[in-house]
N, C-alpha and C. Protein backbone atom coordinates (compact mmCIF):
# COMPACT_ATOMS: atom_id res chain seq x y z
N UNK A 1 26.20 -24.82 -8.88
CA UNK A 1 25.59 -23.67 -8.56
C UNK A 1 24.12 -23.82 -9.45
N UNK A 2 22.95 -23.61 -8.68
CA UNK A 2 21.64 -23.72 -9.43
C UNK A 2 21.53 -22.55 -10.50
N UNK A 3 20.70 -22.75 -11.41
CA UNK A 3 20.64 -21.85 -12.43
C UNK A 3 19.40 -20.88 -12.02
N UNK A 4 19.76 -19.65 -11.96
CA UNK A 4 18.67 -18.62 -11.48
C UNK A 4 17.95 -18.09 -12.61
N UNK A 5 16.55 -17.80 -12.57
CA UNK A 5 15.99 -17.29 -13.62
C UNK A 5 15.64 -15.82 -13.28
N UNK A 6 16.00 -14.70 -14.00
CA UNK A 6 15.51 -13.44 -13.50
C UNK A 6 14.34 -13.04 -14.61
N UNK A 7 13.36 -12.51 -13.71
CA UNK A 7 12.11 -12.21 -14.37
C UNK A 7 11.44 -11.17 -13.87
N UNK A 8 10.49 -10.35 -14.33
CA UNK A 8 9.60 -9.08 -13.84
C UNK A 8 9.00 -9.89 -12.68
N UNK A 9 8.81 -9.13 -11.59
CA UNK A 9 8.23 -9.34 -10.33
C UNK A 9 6.65 -9.49 -10.66
N UNK A 10 5.81 -10.26 -10.00
CA UNK A 10 4.55 -10.26 -10.27
C UNK A 10 3.74 -10.29 -9.00
N UNK A 11 2.37 -9.82 -8.85
CA UNK A 11 1.61 -9.61 -7.65
C UNK A 11 1.83 -11.14 -6.90
N UNK A 12 1.52 -12.15 -7.64
CA UNK A 12 1.67 -13.23 -7.19
C UNK A 12 2.87 -13.65 -6.33
N UNK A 13 3.91 -12.76 -6.40
CA UNK A 13 5.12 -13.10 -5.92
C UNK A 13 5.22 -12.53 -4.33
N UNK A 14 4.14 -11.72 -3.89
CA UNK A 14 4.08 -10.96 -2.54
C UNK A 14 4.32 -11.75 -1.42
N UNK A 15 3.74 -12.94 -1.44
CA UNK A 15 3.98 -13.82 -0.11
C UNK A 15 5.44 -14.03 -0.13
N UNK A 16 6.14 -14.53 -1.11
CA UNK A 16 7.45 -14.95 -1.18
C UNK A 16 8.44 -13.69 -0.88
N UNK A 17 8.12 -12.35 -1.44
CA UNK A 17 8.87 -11.20 -1.11
C UNK A 17 8.66 -11.09 0.19
N UNK A 18 7.48 -11.04 0.90
CA UNK A 18 7.56 -10.90 2.18
C UNK A 18 8.43 -11.82 3.26
N UNK A 19 8.47 -13.10 2.83
CA UNK A 19 9.22 -13.87 3.48
C UNK A 19 10.74 -13.75 3.21
N UNK A 20 11.35 -13.37 2.23
CA UNK A 20 12.66 -12.88 1.91
C UNK A 20 12.90 -11.60 2.78
N UNK A 21 12.06 -10.77 2.64
CA UNK A 21 12.03 -9.59 3.25
C UNK A 21 12.41 -9.59 5.01
N UNK A 22 11.56 -10.58 5.33
CA UNK A 22 11.73 -10.92 6.82
C UNK A 22 13.00 -11.63 7.20
N UNK A 23 13.78 -12.27 6.30
CA UNK A 23 15.04 -12.87 6.38
C UNK A 23 16.17 -11.77 6.36
N UNK A 24 15.91 -10.65 5.68
CA UNK A 24 16.94 -9.78 5.41
C UNK A 24 16.81 -8.63 6.42
N UNK A 25 15.71 -8.30 6.88
CA UNK A 25 15.52 -7.01 7.60
C UNK A 25 15.06 -7.12 9.14
N UNK A 26 15.33 -6.22 9.75
CA UNK A 26 14.91 -6.01 11.18
C UNK A 26 13.23 -5.69 11.11
N UNK A 27 12.71 -5.70 12.14
CA UNK A 27 11.17 -5.31 12.20
C UNK A 27 10.93 -3.86 11.63
N UNK A 28 11.79 -2.96 12.03
CA UNK A 28 11.67 -1.68 11.67
C UNK A 28 11.59 -1.17 10.18
N UNK A 29 12.19 -2.21 9.22
CA UNK A 29 12.41 -1.97 7.86
C UNK A 29 11.27 -2.86 7.16
N UNK A 30 10.51 -3.51 7.77
CA UNK A 30 9.59 -4.32 7.27
C UNK A 30 8.49 -3.72 6.63
N UNK A 31 8.11 -3.77 5.44
CA UNK A 31 6.95 -2.98 4.52
C UNK A 31 5.75 -4.07 4.26
N UNK A 32 4.65 -3.88 4.05
CA UNK A 32 3.36 -4.32 4.02
C UNK A 32 3.54 -4.65 2.55
N UNK A 33 2.60 -5.90 2.16
CA UNK A 33 2.39 -6.19 0.98
C UNK A 33 1.69 -5.17 0.09
N UNK A 34 0.94 -4.43 0.72
CA UNK A 34 0.04 -3.25 -0.10
C UNK A 34 1.23 -2.32 -0.45
N UNK A 35 2.18 -1.83 0.44
CA UNK A 35 3.04 -0.73 0.17
C UNK A 35 4.05 -1.35 -1.08
N UNK A 36 4.47 -2.63 -0.89
CA UNK A 36 5.37 -2.93 -1.96
C UNK A 36 4.72 -3.14 -3.36
N UNK A 37 3.31 -3.75 -3.43
CA UNK A 37 2.56 -4.02 -4.56
C UNK A 37 2.15 -2.73 -5.27
N UNK A 38 2.18 -1.49 -4.41
CA UNK A 38 1.95 -0.20 -4.97
C UNK A 38 3.06 0.28 -5.80
N UNK A 39 4.39 -0.29 -5.28
CA UNK A 39 5.54 0.08 -6.11
C UNK A 39 5.56 -0.74 -7.41
N UNK A 40 5.19 -2.05 -7.36
CA UNK A 40 5.22 -2.85 -8.59
C UNK A 40 4.14 -2.14 -9.51
N UNK A 41 2.90 -1.89 -9.12
CA UNK A 41 2.05 -1.22 -10.02
C UNK A 41 2.45 0.06 -10.59
N UNK A 42 3.21 1.04 -9.76
CA UNK A 42 3.85 1.98 -10.38
C UNK A 42 4.69 1.76 -11.50
N UNK A 43 5.40 0.77 -11.58
CA UNK A 43 6.42 0.33 -12.50
C UNK A 43 6.75 -1.01 -12.72
N UNK A 44 5.87 -1.88 -13.17
CA UNK A 44 6.26 -3.15 -13.45
C UNK A 44 7.47 -3.55 -14.08
N UNK A 45 7.95 -2.67 -15.00
CA UNK A 45 8.93 -3.07 -15.76
C UNK A 45 10.28 -2.91 -15.03
N UNK A 46 10.37 -2.30 -13.93
CA UNK A 46 11.44 -1.98 -13.24
C UNK A 46 11.53 -2.85 -11.93
N UNK A 47 10.69 -3.75 -11.72
CA UNK A 47 10.72 -4.40 -10.54
C UNK A 47 10.87 -5.93 -10.91
N UNK A 48 12.08 -6.63 -10.51
CA UNK A 48 12.65 -7.83 -10.80
C UNK A 48 12.74 -8.77 -9.64
N UNK A 49 12.63 -10.00 -9.98
CA UNK A 49 12.87 -11.35 -9.33
C UNK A 49 13.79 -12.19 -9.74
N UNK A 50 14.72 -12.74 -8.90
CA UNK A 50 15.67 -13.90 -9.22
C UNK A 50 14.85 -15.15 -8.44
N UNK A 51 14.66 -16.07 -9.26
CA UNK A 51 13.88 -17.35 -8.96
C UNK A 51 14.98 -18.68 -9.12
N UNK A 52 14.78 -19.37 -8.13
CA UNK A 52 15.63 -20.81 -8.20
C UNK A 52 14.77 -21.61 -9.15
N UNK A 53 15.45 -22.77 -9.47
CA UNK A 53 14.76 -23.53 -10.63
C UNK A 53 13.39 -24.09 -9.87
N UNK A 54 13.41 -24.36 -8.68
CA UNK A 54 11.89 -24.85 -8.25
C UNK A 54 10.89 -23.81 -8.03
N UNK A 55 11.25 -22.50 -8.51
CA UNK A 55 10.27 -21.30 -8.45
C UNK A 55 10.35 -20.49 -7.23
N UNK A 56 11.28 -20.91 -6.31
CA UNK A 56 11.39 -20.35 -4.90
C UNK A 56 12.15 -19.09 -5.17
N UNK A 57 11.76 -17.91 -4.57
CA UNK A 57 12.26 -16.67 -4.63
C UNK A 57 13.72 -16.44 -3.90
N UNK A 58 14.79 -16.29 -4.45
CA UNK A 58 16.03 -16.19 -4.04
C UNK A 58 16.20 -14.50 -3.97
N UNK A 59 15.65 -13.71 -4.62
CA UNK A 59 16.05 -12.14 -4.48
C UNK A 59 14.90 -11.44 -5.09
N UNK A 60 15.00 -10.13 -4.63
CA UNK A 60 13.82 -9.15 -5.45
C UNK A 60 14.47 -7.84 -5.55
N UNK A 61 13.83 -6.98 -6.16
CA UNK A 61 14.03 -5.70 -6.44
C UNK A 61 13.07 -4.87 -6.86
N UNK A 62 12.66 -3.77 -6.01
CA UNK A 62 11.51 -2.97 -6.24
C UNK A 62 12.00 -1.65 -6.53
N UNK A 63 11.84 -1.00 -7.83
CA UNK A 63 12.18 0.31 -8.35
C UNK A 63 11.10 1.10 -8.88
N UNK A 64 11.22 2.47 -9.06
CA UNK A 64 10.00 3.14 -9.73
C UNK A 64 10.46 4.58 -9.98
N UNK A 65 9.90 5.14 -11.05
CA UNK A 65 10.04 6.59 -11.18
C UNK A 65 9.55 7.37 -9.89
N UNK A 66 10.17 8.52 -9.62
CA UNK A 66 9.51 9.28 -8.44
C UNK A 66 10.07 10.85 -8.78
N UNK A 67 9.17 11.57 -8.33
CA UNK A 67 9.85 13.14 -8.44
C UNK A 67 11.01 13.38 -7.75
N UNK A 68 12.09 14.10 -8.63
CA UNK A 68 13.33 14.30 -7.95
C UNK A 68 13.34 15.14 -6.69
N UNK A 69 12.20 15.98 -6.54
CA UNK A 69 12.31 16.90 -5.10
C UNK A 69 11.63 16.18 -4.21
N UNK A 70 11.56 14.86 -4.08
CA UNK A 70 10.79 14.18 -2.88
C UNK A 70 11.31 12.89 -2.70
N UNK A 71 11.01 12.16 -1.67
CA UNK A 71 11.55 10.86 -1.05
C UNK A 71 10.09 10.03 -0.97
N UNK A 72 9.95 8.79 -1.33
CA UNK A 72 8.73 8.28 -1.08
C UNK A 72 8.71 7.74 0.31
N UNK A 73 7.68 7.59 1.11
CA UNK A 73 7.58 7.16 2.50
C UNK A 73 7.95 5.48 2.52
N UNK A 74 8.63 5.29 3.50
CA UNK A 74 8.73 3.81 3.97
C UNK A 74 7.41 3.30 4.50
N UNK A 75 7.03 2.12 3.76
CA UNK A 75 5.85 1.39 4.00
C UNK A 75 4.66 2.19 3.79
N UNK A 76 4.77 3.23 2.56
CA UNK A 76 3.64 4.02 2.23
C UNK A 76 3.01 3.55 1.01
N UNK A 77 1.77 3.49 0.81
CA UNK A 77 1.19 3.20 -0.53
C UNK A 77 1.51 4.30 -1.67
N UNK A 78 2.09 3.98 -2.59
CA UNK A 78 2.44 4.99 -3.67
C UNK A 78 1.38 5.06 -4.72
N UNK A 79 1.21 6.38 -5.41
CA UNK A 79 0.40 6.41 -6.56
C UNK A 79 0.98 7.42 -7.46
N UNK A 80 0.72 7.45 -8.73
CA UNK A 80 1.33 8.41 -9.80
C UNK A 80 0.72 9.55 -9.59
N UNK A 81 0.87 10.42 -8.55
CA UNK A 81 0.28 11.51 -8.39
C UNK A 81 0.96 12.76 -8.47
N UNK A 82 2.11 12.65 -9.18
CA UNK A 82 2.85 13.81 -9.30
C UNK A 82 2.45 14.77 -10.57
N UNK A 83 2.69 15.91 -10.60
CA UNK A 83 2.43 16.73 -11.47
C UNK A 83 2.88 16.61 -13.06
N UNK A 84 2.24 16.70 -14.01
CA UNK A 84 2.80 16.39 -15.48
C UNK A 84 3.88 17.08 -15.58
N UNK A 85 4.90 16.46 -16.13
CA UNK A 85 6.09 17.22 -16.63
C UNK A 85 7.11 17.50 -15.56
N UNK A 86 6.68 16.78 -14.30
CA UNK A 86 7.52 16.87 -13.24
C UNK A 86 9.05 15.99 -13.50
N UNK A 87 10.00 16.64 -13.02
CA UNK A 87 11.31 15.77 -13.14
C UNK A 87 11.38 14.63 -12.37
N UNK A 88 11.67 13.42 -13.06
CA UNK A 88 11.55 12.22 -12.29
C UNK A 88 12.92 11.69 -12.18
N UNK A 89 13.19 10.85 -11.23
CA UNK A 89 14.49 10.09 -10.98
C UNK A 89 13.89 8.61 -10.94
N UNK A 90 14.87 7.74 -11.05
CA UNK A 90 14.81 6.31 -10.85
C UNK A 90 15.02 5.96 -9.50
N UNK A 91 13.99 5.66 -8.53
CA UNK A 91 14.33 5.42 -7.30
C UNK A 91 14.37 4.01 -6.92
N UNK A 92 15.54 3.54 -6.39
CA UNK A 92 15.73 2.03 -6.10
C UNK A 92 15.28 1.99 -4.64
N UNK A 93 14.16 1.26 -4.56
CA UNK A 93 13.52 1.30 -3.15
C UNK A 93 14.00 0.12 -2.22
N UNK A 94 13.97 -1.12 -2.84
CA UNK A 94 14.27 -2.12 -2.07
C UNK A 94 14.89 -3.26 -2.83
N UNK A 95 16.06 -3.62 -2.34
CA UNK A 95 16.57 -4.91 -2.85
C UNK A 95 17.04 -5.97 -1.57
N UNK A 96 16.80 -7.21 -1.94
CA UNK A 96 17.03 -8.17 -0.83
C UNK A 96 17.33 -9.52 -1.42
N UNK A 97 18.28 -10.08 -0.95
CA UNK A 97 18.72 -11.39 -1.43
C UNK A 97 18.69 -12.27 -0.09
N UNK A 98 17.92 -13.42 -0.36
CA UNK A 98 17.66 -14.44 0.69
C UNK A 98 19.00 -15.15 1.01
N UNK A 99 19.24 -15.55 2.15
CA UNK A 99 20.44 -16.43 2.48
C UNK A 99 20.70 -17.40 1.41
N UNK A 100 19.73 -18.15 0.82
CA UNK A 100 19.83 -19.34 -0.20
C UNK A 100 20.34 -18.65 -1.50
N UNK A 101 20.40 -17.18 -1.68
CA UNK A 101 20.70 -16.64 -3.04
C UNK A 101 22.06 -15.88 -2.91
N UNK A 102 22.60 -15.77 -1.82
CA UNK A 102 23.86 -14.95 -1.38
C UNK A 102 24.96 -15.67 -2.07
N UNK A 103 26.15 -14.88 -2.68
CA UNK A 103 27.24 -15.09 -3.34
C UNK A 103 26.89 -15.67 -4.67
N UNK A 104 25.84 -15.26 -5.29
CA UNK A 104 25.60 -15.66 -6.75
C UNK A 104 25.49 -14.46 -7.65
N UNK A 105 25.84 -13.42 -7.01
CA UNK A 105 25.74 -12.05 -7.81
C UNK A 105 24.40 -11.50 -8.27
N UNK A 106 23.25 -11.96 -7.49
CA UNK A 106 22.15 -11.62 -7.98
C UNK A 106 21.78 -10.45 -7.74
N UNK A 107 22.35 -9.71 -6.86
CA UNK A 107 22.08 -8.19 -6.62
C UNK A 107 22.39 -7.24 -7.68
N UNK A 108 23.68 -7.59 -8.33
CA UNK A 108 24.04 -6.96 -9.48
C UNK A 108 23.11 -7.19 -10.75
N UNK A 109 23.04 -8.48 -10.91
CA UNK A 109 22.00 -8.90 -12.02
C UNK A 109 20.76 -8.48 -11.84
N UNK A 110 20.05 -8.40 -10.86
CA UNK A 110 18.70 -7.49 -10.89
C UNK A 110 18.89 -6.01 -11.00
N UNK A 111 19.90 -5.48 -10.43
CA UNK A 111 20.01 -3.95 -10.64
C UNK A 111 20.40 -3.70 -12.12
N UNK A 112 21.08 -4.62 -12.76
CA UNK A 112 21.40 -4.37 -14.14
C UNK A 112 20.08 -4.33 -15.07
N UNK A 113 19.11 -5.37 -14.78
CA UNK A 113 17.96 -5.84 -15.36
C UNK A 113 17.10 -4.44 -15.14
N UNK A 114 16.73 -3.98 -13.96
CA UNK A 114 16.01 -2.97 -13.62
C UNK A 114 16.53 -1.50 -14.25
N UNK A 115 17.91 -1.50 -14.21
CA UNK A 115 18.43 -0.20 -14.76
C UNK A 115 18.23 -0.03 -16.29
N UNK A 116 18.30 -1.18 -16.89
CA UNK A 116 18.15 -1.13 -18.46
C UNK A 116 16.73 -0.67 -18.72
N UNK A 117 15.71 -1.15 -18.11
CA UNK A 117 14.29 -0.80 -18.04
C UNK A 117 14.07 0.59 -17.70
N UNK A 118 14.69 1.25 -16.79
CA UNK A 118 14.64 2.61 -16.41
C UNK A 118 15.17 3.47 -17.54
N UNK A 119 16.14 3.12 -18.03
CA UNK A 119 16.88 3.83 -19.17
C UNK A 119 16.01 3.87 -20.26
N UNK A 120 15.38 2.64 -20.52
CA UNK A 120 14.42 2.60 -21.79
C UNK A 120 13.22 3.54 -21.53
N UNK A 121 12.90 3.78 -20.05
CA UNK A 121 11.62 4.58 -19.89
C UNK A 121 12.25 6.20 -19.91
N UNK A 122 13.51 6.46 -20.01
CA UNK A 122 13.99 7.74 -20.22
C UNK A 122 14.56 8.25 -19.02
N UNK A 123 14.56 7.51 -17.86
CA UNK A 123 15.07 8.02 -16.49
C UNK A 123 16.68 8.13 -16.80
N UNK A 124 17.37 9.31 -16.23
CA UNK A 124 18.58 9.54 -16.46
C UNK A 124 19.41 9.83 -15.24
N UNK A 125 18.75 9.69 -14.16
CA UNK A 125 19.17 9.75 -12.75
C UNK A 125 18.59 8.73 -11.90
N UNK A 126 19.38 8.37 -10.57
CA UNK A 126 18.75 7.63 -9.90
C UNK A 126 19.07 7.98 -8.17
N UNK A 127 18.01 7.76 -7.45
CA UNK A 127 18.33 7.93 -6.05
C UNK A 127 17.77 6.50 -5.24
N UNK A 128 18.44 6.47 -4.08
CA UNK A 128 18.16 5.56 -3.19
C UNK A 128 18.44 5.79 -1.71
N UNK A 129 18.05 4.94 -0.84
CA UNK A 129 18.26 5.23 0.59
C UNK A 129 18.96 4.03 0.91
N UNK A 130 20.15 3.90 1.24
CA UNK A 130 21.12 2.60 1.55
C UNK A 130 20.91 2.35 3.05
N UNK A 131 20.50 1.19 3.60
CA UNK A 131 20.08 0.89 4.94
C UNK A 131 21.05 -0.22 5.36
N UNK A 132 21.22 -0.61 6.39
CA UNK A 132 22.10 -1.79 6.94
C UNK A 132 23.38 -1.74 6.43
N UNK A 133 23.96 -0.63 6.53
CA UNK A 133 25.51 -0.39 5.82
C UNK A 133 25.77 -0.87 4.49
N UNK A 134 24.67 -0.81 3.79
CA UNK A 134 24.70 -1.31 2.20
C UNK A 134 25.52 -0.04 1.25
N UNK A 135 25.62 1.14 1.90
CA UNK A 135 26.16 2.21 1.13
C UNK A 135 27.48 2.12 0.46
N UNK A 136 28.40 1.25 1.10
CA UNK A 136 29.60 0.77 0.42
C UNK A 136 29.44 -0.24 -0.80
N UNK A 137 28.37 -0.91 -0.70
CA UNK A 137 27.87 -1.72 -2.15
C UNK A 137 27.51 -0.75 -3.04
N UNK A 138 26.63 0.17 -2.73
CA UNK A 138 26.04 1.00 -3.67
C UNK A 138 27.01 1.93 -4.26
N UNK A 139 28.13 2.34 -3.51
CA UNK A 139 29.32 3.10 -3.89
C UNK A 139 29.87 2.55 -5.14
N UNK A 140 30.06 1.22 -4.93
CA UNK A 140 30.71 0.46 -6.05
C UNK A 140 29.96 0.49 -7.44
N UNK A 141 28.74 0.97 -7.39
CA UNK A 141 27.85 1.17 -8.48
C UNK A 141 27.83 2.53 -8.98
N UNK A 142 28.55 3.47 -8.52
CA UNK A 142 28.54 4.92 -8.88
C UNK A 142 27.78 5.59 -8.08
N UNK A 143 27.16 5.34 -7.05
CA UNK A 143 26.26 6.15 -6.07
C UNK A 143 26.87 6.97 -5.14
N UNK A 144 26.81 8.22 -4.97
CA UNK A 144 27.41 8.91 -4.09
C UNK A 144 26.57 9.55 -2.94
N UNK A 145 26.95 9.74 -1.83
CA UNK A 145 26.18 10.13 -0.57
C UNK A 145 25.87 11.78 -0.79
N UNK A 146 24.59 12.00 -0.56
CA UNK A 146 24.25 13.40 -0.62
C UNK A 146 23.66 13.86 0.63
N UNK A 147 23.62 15.21 0.94
CA UNK A 147 23.04 15.67 2.19
C UNK A 147 21.63 15.27 2.30
N UNK A 148 21.15 15.01 3.45
CA UNK A 148 19.75 14.72 3.69
C UNK A 148 18.84 16.08 3.70
N UNK A 149 19.44 17.07 4.10
CA UNK A 149 18.80 18.56 3.92
C UNK A 149 17.39 18.39 4.45
N UNK A 150 16.61 18.69 3.45
CA UNK A 150 15.09 18.92 3.78
C UNK A 150 14.33 17.50 3.92
N UNK A 151 15.02 16.48 3.44
CA UNK A 151 14.67 15.08 3.55
C UNK A 151 14.93 14.30 5.05
N UNK A 152 15.57 15.11 5.90
CA UNK A 152 16.12 14.43 7.04
C UNK A 152 15.01 13.50 7.96
N UNK A 153 13.76 14.28 8.08
CA UNK A 153 12.97 13.65 8.85
C UNK A 153 12.54 12.29 8.12
N UNK A 154 12.01 12.22 6.92
CA UNK A 154 11.55 11.09 6.11
C UNK A 154 12.83 9.91 6.17
N UNK A 155 13.90 10.57 6.04
CA UNK A 155 15.23 9.65 5.77
C UNK A 155 15.31 8.86 7.46
N UNK A 156 14.99 9.55 8.41
CA UNK A 156 14.98 8.90 9.82
C UNK A 156 14.27 7.88 10.05
N UNK A 157 13.11 7.92 9.22
CA UNK A 157 12.30 6.60 9.23
C UNK A 157 13.11 5.25 8.80
N UNK A 158 14.08 5.49 7.87
CA UNK A 158 14.54 4.39 7.54
C UNK A 158 15.80 3.71 8.41
N UNK A 159 15.91 4.33 9.59
CA UNK A 159 16.89 4.08 10.65
C UNK A 159 18.06 4.99 10.86
N UNK A 160 19.00 4.72 11.80
CA UNK A 160 19.83 5.72 12.25
C UNK A 160 21.06 5.58 11.08
N UNK A 161 21.10 4.51 10.47
CA UNK A 161 22.34 4.29 9.50
C UNK A 161 21.83 4.60 7.98
N UNK A 162 20.72 5.08 7.84
CA UNK A 162 20.29 5.43 6.57
C UNK A 162 21.02 6.41 5.80
N UNK A 163 21.63 6.17 4.62
CA UNK A 163 22.21 7.20 3.80
C UNK A 163 21.45 7.39 2.49
N UNK A 164 21.07 8.73 2.07
CA UNK A 164 20.68 9.15 0.76
C UNK A 164 21.82 9.24 -0.01
N UNK A 165 21.58 8.42 -1.26
CA UNK A 165 22.45 8.48 -2.42
C UNK A 165 22.00 8.74 -3.61
N UNK A 166 22.85 9.14 -4.67
CA UNK A 166 22.32 9.46 -5.88
C UNK A 166 23.38 9.21 -6.96
N UNK A 167 22.97 8.89 -8.23
CA UNK A 167 23.88 8.84 -9.49
C UNK A 167 23.44 9.21 -10.59
N UNK A 168 24.04 9.69 -11.58
CA UNK A 168 23.41 9.78 -13.04
C UNK A 168 23.65 8.36 -13.59
N UNK A 169 22.72 8.06 -14.43
CA UNK A 169 22.73 6.67 -15.25
C UNK A 169 23.32 6.83 -16.46
């Protein structure tokens, strides 16, 4: 098994991120480089990459702080425009493992690295939107489904099988 290097994501990784994204998602869930780069700019310490020895990207993870009372838009450019003192959660936005990286435990390793950074930033809760039947995997990490409620319209943008989930860190 090749040795994988976990490292913070960089803006220079965006072309490789888009390539991995295209291998993992249907057209409906593809996001622009600008949208993903805005998440990286929002929280560079909590966005991670898994690279093969030749430097090729095997997996990535985008996470960031976000107000507890809102959901970030799919493919939207984000900014730190919430009110000072707003209650924040660690939002796990997008994790994808390319076919070349599957079976190596990369998702768990990326998640742990980003979670440690989120905890160091003082974030104590987490939310995510599970897509493509990934809710089972997230449940193993302690996430539980919550009612979409007021977020139903925004959640629908993520697909019919999208599930809103949360956990305490």
